[in-house]
Amino acid sequence: MRVINKHIIHCSDSEVGDVKLIRQWHIERGWQDVGYHFIIRRDGEIEVGRTLEEMGAHCQGQNADSIGTCLVGVRDFTPGQFAALKRVHGMVRSLFPGVRVFNHCQFNAGKTCPNFDAHDILGE
């Protein structure tokens, strides 16, 4: 298993999406697969992208030791999505004690993603 220190939170910057559609977008960009490990749909359903053993392709320079989770949406996220994010993060923390949560924009000053503060949502 990889050493994981970071759980990086993203948004899709789209009003629609699921793992199948985001995988298609990423493959069209030349990536091998969907870049995220988890996608949280608008209805709060959690979908698996890459396996945890696989390095993601979601945050340049940070993929080797991180898990990437993407919430489908732009700025208005649902209570179900935030509840699902708490479940995903709880699972990630149980598998990787000491993991810290980060907003994608903390590593890329040109981005506002995920357009909410994951620290506030997750209480960290």
N, C-alpha and C. Protein backbone atom coordinates (compact mmCIF):
# COMPACT_ATOMS: atom_id res chain seq x y z
N MET A 1 0.84 -1.19 0.00
CA MET A 1 0.00 0.00 0.00
C MET A 1 0.89 1.24 0.00
N ARG A 2 0.46 2.26 -0.71
CA ARG A 2 1.20 3.52 -0.77
C ARG A 2 1.14 4.23 0.58
N VAL A 3 2.13 5.07 0.84
CA VAL A 3 2.10 5.95 2.00
C VAL A 3 1.25 7.16 1.62
N ILE A 4 0.22 7.42 2.39
CA ILE A 4 -0.70 8.52 2.11
C ILE A 4 -0.65 9.52 3.25
N ASN A 5 -0.36 10.78 2.91
CA ASN A 5 -0.30 11.85 3.89
C ASN A 5 -1.37 12.91 3.68
N LYS A 6 -1.95 12.95 2.47
CA LYS A 6 -2.86 14.02 2.11
C LYS A 6 -4.16 13.47 1.50
N HIS A 7 -5.26 14.09 1.87
CA HIS A 7 -6.55 13.85 1.22
C HIS A 7 -6.93 15.18 0.59
N ILE A 8 -6.85 15.25 -0.73
CA ILE A 8 -7.05 16.50 -1.46
C ILE A 8 -8.46 16.52 -2.04
N ILE A 9 -9.19 17.61 -1.74
CA ILE A 9 -10.59 17.73 -2.13
C ILE A 9 -10.72 18.65 -3.34
N HIS A 10 -11.53 18.20 -4.29
CA HIS A 10 -11.73 18.89 -5.57
C HIS A 10 -13.22 19.07 -5.84
N CYS A 11 -13.53 19.88 -6.85
CA CYS A 11 -14.87 19.90 -7.43
C CYS A 11 -14.72 19.70 -8.93
N SER A 12 -15.77 19.23 -9.56
CA SER A 12 -15.71 18.93 -10.99
C SER A 12 -15.84 20.19 -11.84
N ASP A 13 -16.30 21.29 -11.26
CA ASP A 13 -16.56 22.54 -11.99
C ASP A 13 -17.56 22.30 -13.11
N SER A 14 -18.51 21.40 -12.85
CA SER A 14 -19.58 21.09 -13.79
C SER A 14 -20.85 20.78 -12.98
N GLU A 15 -21.99 21.04 -13.57
CA GLU A 15 -23.25 20.77 -12.87
C GLU A 15 -23.65 19.30 -12.93
N VAL A 16 -23.07 18.57 -13.86
CA VAL A 16 -23.39 17.15 -14.01
C VAL A 16 -22.10 16.35 -14.00
N GLY A 17 -22.23 15.08 -13.71
CA GLY A 17 -21.06 14.21 -13.78
C GLY A 17 -21.19 13.01 -12.88
N ASP A 18 -20.45 12.01 -13.24
CA ASP A 18 -20.30 10.79 -12.46
C ASP A 18 -18.96 10.19 -12.87
N VAL A 19 -18.59 9.07 -12.29
CA VAL A 19 -17.28 8.51 -12.57
C VAL A 19 -17.12 8.20 -14.05
N LYS A 20 -18.16 7.74 -14.70
CA LYS A 20 -18.07 7.39 -16.12
C LYS A 20 -17.79 8.63 -16.97
N LEU A 21 -18.51 9.71 -16.73
CA LEU A 21 -18.32 10.93 -17.51
C LEU A 21 -16.97 11.58 -17.21
N ILE A 22 -16.59 11.65 -15.94
CA ILE A 22 -15.31 12.27 -15.60
C ILE A 22 -14.16 11.44 -16.14
N ARG A 23 -14.30 10.12 -16.13
CA ARG A 23 -13.28 9.24 -16.73
C ARG A 23 -13.14 9.58 -18.22
N GLN A 24 -14.26 9.74 -18.90
CA GLN A 24 -14.24 10.09 -20.33
C GLN A 24 -13.51 11.41 -20.55
N TRP A 25 -13.83 12.44 -19.73
CA TRP A 25 -13.15 13.74 -19.86
C TRP A 25 -11.65 13.59 -19.68
N HIS A 26 -11.24 12.82 -18.68
CA HIS A 26 -9.81 12.69 -18.38
C HIS A 26 -9.09 11.89 -19.47
N ILE A 27 -9.71 10.86 -19.98
CA ILE A 27 -9.10 10.09 -21.07
C ILE A 27 -8.98 10.95 -22.32
N GLU A 28 -9.98 11.79 -22.59
CA GLU A 28 -9.92 12.70 -23.74
C GLU A 28 -8.77 13.70 -23.60
N ARG A 29 -8.36 13.97 -22.35
CA ARG A 29 -7.21 14.87 -22.11
C ARG A 29 -5.88 14.13 -22.20
N GLY A 30 -5.94 12.82 -22.46
CA GLY A 30 -4.72 12.04 -22.61
C GLY A 30 -4.28 11.28 -21.38
N TRP A 31 -5.10 11.30 -20.33
CA TRP A 31 -4.77 10.57 -19.12
C TRP A 31 -5.15 9.10 -19.31
N GLN A 32 -4.57 8.23 -18.49
CA GLN A 32 -4.84 6.80 -18.61
C GLN A 32 -6.20 6.41 -18.05
N ASP A 33 -6.70 7.18 -17.10
CA ASP A 33 -7.95 6.83 -16.41
C ASP A 33 -8.46 8.09 -15.72
N VAL A 34 -9.56 7.96 -15.01
CA VAL A 34 -10.04 9.06 -14.18
C VAL A 34 -8.95 9.38 -13.17
N GLY A 35 -8.76 10.66 -12.87
CA GLY A 35 -7.68 11.07 -12.00
C GLY A 35 -7.95 10.92 -10.51
N TYR A 36 -9.24 10.86 -10.13
CA TYR A 36 -9.62 10.85 -8.72
C TYR A 36 -9.81 9.43 -8.20
N HIS A 37 -9.71 9.30 -6.89
CA HIS A 37 -10.00 8.02 -6.24
C HIS A 37 -11.48 7.88 -5.92
N PHE A 38 -12.11 9.01 -5.58
CA PHE A 38 -13.54 9.01 -5.26
C PHE A 38 -14.22 10.19 -5.94
N ILE A 39 -15.43 9.94 -6.44
CA ILE A 39 -16.28 10.98 -7.00
C ILE A 39 -17.58 10.94 -6.21
N ILE A 40 -18.03 12.11 -5.76
CA ILE A 40 -19.28 12.19 -5.01
C ILE A 40 -20.29 12.92 -5.89
N ARG A 41 -21.30 12.17 -6.34
CA ARG A 41 -22.32 12.72 -7.23
C ARG A 41 -23.22 13.71 -6.48
N ARG A 42 -24.03 14.43 -7.23
CA ARG A 42 -24.93 15.43 -6.66
C ARG A 42 -25.90 14.82 -5.65
N ASP A 43 -26.28 13.55 -5.88
CA ASP A 43 -27.22 12.89 -4.96
C ASP A 43 -26.53 12.31 -3.73
N GLY A 44 -25.22 12.52 -3.61
CA GLY A 44 -24.48 12.03 -2.45
C GLY A 44 -23.91 10.63 -2.61
N GLU A 45 -24.18 10.01 -3.74
CA GLU A 45 -23.63 8.67 -4.01
C GLU A 45 -22.12 8.77 -4.18
N ILE A 46 -21.41 7.85 -3.55
CA ILE A 46 -19.95 7.80 -3.64
C ILE A 46 -19.56 6.77 -4.69
N GLU A 47 -18.76 7.19 -5.66
CA GLU A 47 -18.28 6.28 -6.69
C GLU A 47 -16.76 6.16 -6.59
N VAL A 48 -16.25 4.98 -6.88
CA VAL A 48 -14.82 4.74 -6.84
C VAL A 48 -14.25 4.98 -8.23
N GLY A 49 -13.16 5.76 -8.27
CA GLY A 49 -12.42 5.98 -9.51
C GLY A 49 -11.23 5.05 -9.52
N ARG A 50 -10.05 5.59 -9.24
CA ARG A 50 -8.85 4.76 -9.14
C ARG A 50 -8.87 4.03 -7.80
N THR A 51 -8.20 2.91 -7.75
CA THR A 51 -8.07 2.21 -6.48
C THR A 51 -7.07 2.97 -5.61
N LEU A 52 -7.13 2.74 -4.31
CA LEU A 52 -6.22 3.44 -3.40
C LEU A 52 -4.76 3.06 -3.64
N GLU A 53 -4.51 1.87 -4.19
CA GLU A 53 -3.15 1.45 -4.48
C GLU A 53 -2.55 2.21 -5.65
N GLU A 54 -3.42 2.76 -6.51
CA GLU A 54 -2.96 3.49 -7.68
C GLU A 54 -2.73 4.97 -7.35
N MET A 55 -1.65 5.50 -7.88
CA MET A 55 -1.41 6.93 -7.74
C MET A 55 -2.43 7.67 -8.59
N GLY A 56 -3.01 8.71 -8.02
CA GLY A 56 -3.98 9.51 -8.75
C GLY A 56 -3.33 10.44 -9.75
N ALA A 57 -4.18 11.19 -10.45
CA ALA A 57 -3.75 12.23 -11.39
C ALA A 57 -4.69 13.40 -11.17
N HIS A 58 -4.59 14.00 -9.98
CA HIS A 58 -5.56 15.03 -9.59
C HIS A 58 -4.93 16.30 -9.08
N CYS A 59 -3.64 16.28 -8.73
CA CYS A 59 -3.00 17.48 -8.18
C CYS A 59 -1.51 17.43 -8.49
N GLN A 60 -1.11 18.20 -9.47
CA GLN A 60 0.27 18.17 -9.94
C GLN A 60 1.26 18.32 -8.78
N GLY A 61 2.21 17.41 -8.73
CA GLY A 61 3.25 17.43 -7.72
C GLY A 61 2.85 16.82 -6.38
N GLN A 62 1.60 16.41 -6.23
CA GLN A 62 1.11 15.90 -4.95
C GLN A 62 0.51 14.51 -5.04
N ASN A 63 0.52 13.90 -6.20
CA ASN A 63 -0.20 12.64 -6.41
C ASN A 63 0.41 11.42 -5.72
N ALA A 64 1.70 11.41 -5.54
CA ALA A 64 2.37 10.21 -5.03
C ALA A 64 1.91 9.83 -3.63
N ASP A 65 1.60 10.82 -2.78
CA ASP A 65 1.24 10.51 -1.39
C ASP A 65 -0.14 11.06 -1.01
N SER A 66 -1.05 11.06 -1.99
CA SER A 66 -2.38 11.62 -1.70
C SER A 66 -3.50 10.77 -2.28
N ILE A 67 -4.68 11.03 -1.74
CA ILE A 67 -5.95 10.51 -2.23
C ILE A 67 -6.73 11.72 -2.74
N GLY A 68 -7.34 11.60 -3.90
CA GLY A 68 -8.14 12.69 -4.45
C GLY A 68 -9.61 12.36 -4.46
N THR A 69 -10.41 13.28 -3.90
CA THR A 69 -11.86 13.14 -3.90
C THR A 69 -12.47 14.35 -4.59
N CYS A 70 -13.40 14.10 -5.51
CA CYS A 70 -14.04 15.16 -6.29
C CYS A 70 -15.54 15.16 -6.05
N LEU A 71 -16.07 16.33 -5.69
CA LEU A 71 -17.52 16.52 -5.58
C LEU A 71 -18.01 17.12 -6.90
N VAL A 72 -19.05 16.53 -7.47
CA VAL A 72 -19.62 17.05 -8.71
C VAL A 72 -20.36 18.33 -8.37
N GLY A 73 -19.99 19.40 -9.06
CA GLY A 73 -20.63 20.69 -8.85
C GLY A 73 -19.65 21.81 -9.09
N VAL A 74 -20.17 23.04 -8.98
CA VAL A 74 -19.35 24.23 -9.19
C VAL A 74 -19.19 24.98 -7.87
N ARG A 75 -20.30 25.46 -7.32
CA ARG A 75 -20.26 26.21 -6.06
C ARG A 75 -21.35 25.78 -5.07
N ASP A 76 -22.43 25.24 -5.57
CA ASP A 76 -23.55 24.86 -4.72
C ASP A 76 -23.58 23.34 -4.54
N PHE A 77 -23.10 22.90 -3.39
CA PHE A 77 -23.04 21.47 -3.11
C PHE A 77 -24.16 21.09 -2.16
N THR A 78 -24.56 19.84 -2.20
CA THR A 78 -25.72 19.40 -1.44
C THR A 78 -25.32 18.88 -0.07
N PRO A 79 -26.25 18.91 0.89
CA PRO A 79 -25.96 18.31 2.19
C PRO A 79 -25.56 16.83 2.06
N GLY A 80 -26.16 16.13 1.11
CA GLY A 80 -25.81 14.73 0.88
C GLY A 80 -24.37 14.57 0.43
N GLN A 81 -23.90 15.50 -0.37
CA GLN A 81 -22.50 15.45 -0.80
C GLN A 81 -21.55 15.67 0.38
N PHE A 82 -21.89 16.64 1.22
CA PHE A 82 -21.02 16.90 2.38
C PHE A 82 -21.05 15.74 3.37
N ALA A 83 -22.21 15.10 3.53
CA ALA A 83 -22.29 13.92 4.40
C ALA A 83 -21.42 12.79 3.82
N ALA A 84 -21.48 12.62 2.51
CA ALA A 84 -20.68 11.59 1.85
C ALA A 84 -19.18 11.90 1.98
N LEU A 85 -18.82 13.19 1.86
CA LEU A 85 -17.42 13.57 2.01
C LEU A 85 -16.92 13.23 3.41
N LYS A 86 -17.76 13.44 4.41
CA LYS A 86 -17.37 13.08 5.78
C LYS A 86 -17.15 11.57 5.89
N ARG A 87 -17.99 10.77 5.23
CA ARG A 87 -17.82 9.31 5.27
C ARG A 87 -16.52 8.89 4.58
N VAL A 88 -16.27 9.47 3.40
CA VAL A 88 -15.04 9.13 2.67
C VAL A 88 -13.82 9.52 3.49
N HIS A 89 -13.84 10.73 4.04
CA HIS A 89 -12.67 11.18 4.80
C HIS A 89 -12.46 10.32 6.06
N GLY A 90 -13.55 9.93 6.71
CA GLY A 90 -13.43 9.04 7.86
C GLY A 90 -12.78 7.73 7.50
N MET A 91 -13.15 7.18 6.35
CA MET A 91 -12.56 5.93 5.89
C MET A 91 -11.09 6.13 5.56
N VAL A 92 -10.76 7.23 4.87
CA VAL A 92 -9.36 7.52 4.53
C VAL A 92 -8.54 7.66 5.81
N ARG A 93 -9.07 8.36 6.81
CA ARG A 93 -8.34 8.54 8.08
C ARG A 93 -8.15 7.22 8.81
N SER A 94 -9.14 6.32 8.72
CA SER A 94 -8.99 5.03 9.40
C SER A 94 -7.92 4.17 8.72
N LEU A 95 -7.79 4.29 7.41
CA LEU A 95 -6.77 3.53 6.68
C LEU A 95 -5.38 4.15 6.77
N PHE A 96 -5.36 5.48 6.88
CA PHE A 96 -4.10 6.23 6.87
C PHE A 96 -4.09 7.22 8.04
N PRO A 97 -3.85 6.75 9.25
CA PRO A 97 -3.84 7.65 10.41
C PRO A 97 -2.84 8.80 10.19
N GLY A 98 -3.24 9.98 10.59
CA GLY A 98 -2.38 11.15 10.42
C GLY A 98 -2.56 11.87 9.10
N VAL A 99 -3.39 11.33 8.20
CA VAL A 99 -3.64 12.01 6.93
C VAL A 99 -4.26 13.38 7.20
N ARG A 100 -3.89 14.36 6.40
CA ARG A 100 -4.42 15.72 6.55
C ARG A 100 -5.24 16.08 5.32
N VAL A 101 -6.28 16.86 5.51
CA VAL A 101 -7.14 17.28 4.40
C VAL A 101 -6.62 18.60 3.83
N PHE A 102 -6.74 18.73 2.51
CA PHE A 102 -6.33 19.94 1.80
C PHE A 102 -7.37 20.27 0.73
N ASN A 103 -7.55 21.56 0.50
CA ASN A 103 -8.31 22.02 -0.66
C ASN A 103 -7.35 22.04 -1.85
N HIS A 104 -7.82 21.66 -3.02
CA HIS A 104 -6.96 21.65 -4.20
C HIS A 104 -6.26 22.99 -4.40
N CYS A 105 -6.97 24.08 -4.15
CA CYS A 105 -6.40 25.41 -4.37
C CYS A 105 -5.20 25.71 -3.47
N GLN A 106 -5.00 24.94 -2.42
CA GLN A 106 -3.83 25.14 -1.56
C GLN A 106 -2.53 24.77 -2.28
N PHE A 107 -2.64 23.98 -3.35
CA PHE A 107 -1.47 23.57 -4.11
C PHE A 107 -1.39 24.24 -5.48
N ASN A 108 -2.42 24.97 -5.85
CA ASN A 108 -2.46 25.63 -7.15
C ASN A 108 -3.15 26.98 -6.98
N ALA A 109 -2.35 28.02 -6.87
CA ALA A 109 -2.88 29.36 -6.59
C ALA A 109 -3.82 29.86 -7.68
N GLY A 110 -3.76 29.28 -8.88
CA GLY A 110 -4.63 29.70 -9.97
C GLY A 110 -6.01 29.08 -9.91
N LYS A 111 -6.27 28.23 -8.93
CA LYS A 111 -7.55 27.53 -8.83
C LYS A 111 -8.30 27.97 -7.57
N THR A 112 -9.63 27.85 -7.63
CA THR A 112 -10.48 28.09 -6.46
C THR A 112 -11.07 26.78 -5.95
N CYS A 113 -10.83 25.72 -6.66
CA CYS A 113 -11.33 24.38 -6.36
C CYS A 113 -10.94 23.96 -4.94
N PRO A 114 -11.85 23.49 -4.16
CA PRO A 114 -13.19 22.98 -4.49
C PRO A 114 -14.33 24.01 -4.34
N ASN A 115 -14.01 25.26 -4.18
CA ASN A 115 -15.01 26.33 -4.04
C ASN A 115 -15.78 26.26 -2.72
N PHE A 116 -15.24 25.58 -1.74
CA PHE A 116 -15.71 25.58 -0.35
C PHE A 116 -14.49 25.20 0.48
N ASP A 117 -14.56 25.43 1.77
CA ASP A 117 -13.42 25.08 2.61
C ASP A 117 -13.65 23.70 3.23
N ALA A 118 -12.93 22.72 2.72
CA ALA A 118 -13.08 21.34 3.21
C ALA A 118 -12.72 21.23 4.69
N HIS A 119 -11.84 22.10 5.17
CA HIS A 119 -11.47 22.08 6.59
C HIS A 119 -12.70 22.38 7.45
N ASP A 120 -13.52 23.33 7.02
CA ASP A 120 -14.73 23.67 7.77
C ASP A 120 -15.73 22.51 7.74
N ILE A 121 -15.92 21.92 6.57
CA ILE A 121 -16.89 20.82 6.41
C ILE A 121 -16.45 19.62 7.25
N LEU A 122 -15.16 19.33 7.26
CA LEU A 122 -14.65 18.13 7.94
C LEU A 122 -14.21 18.40 9.37
N GLY A 123 -14.28 19.66 9.80
CA GLY A 123 -13.93 19.98 11.17
C GLY A 123 -12.46 19.85 11.46
N GLU A 124 -11.63 20.14 10.49
CA GLU A 124 -10.17 20.03 10.66
C GLU A 124 -9.51 21.36 10.36
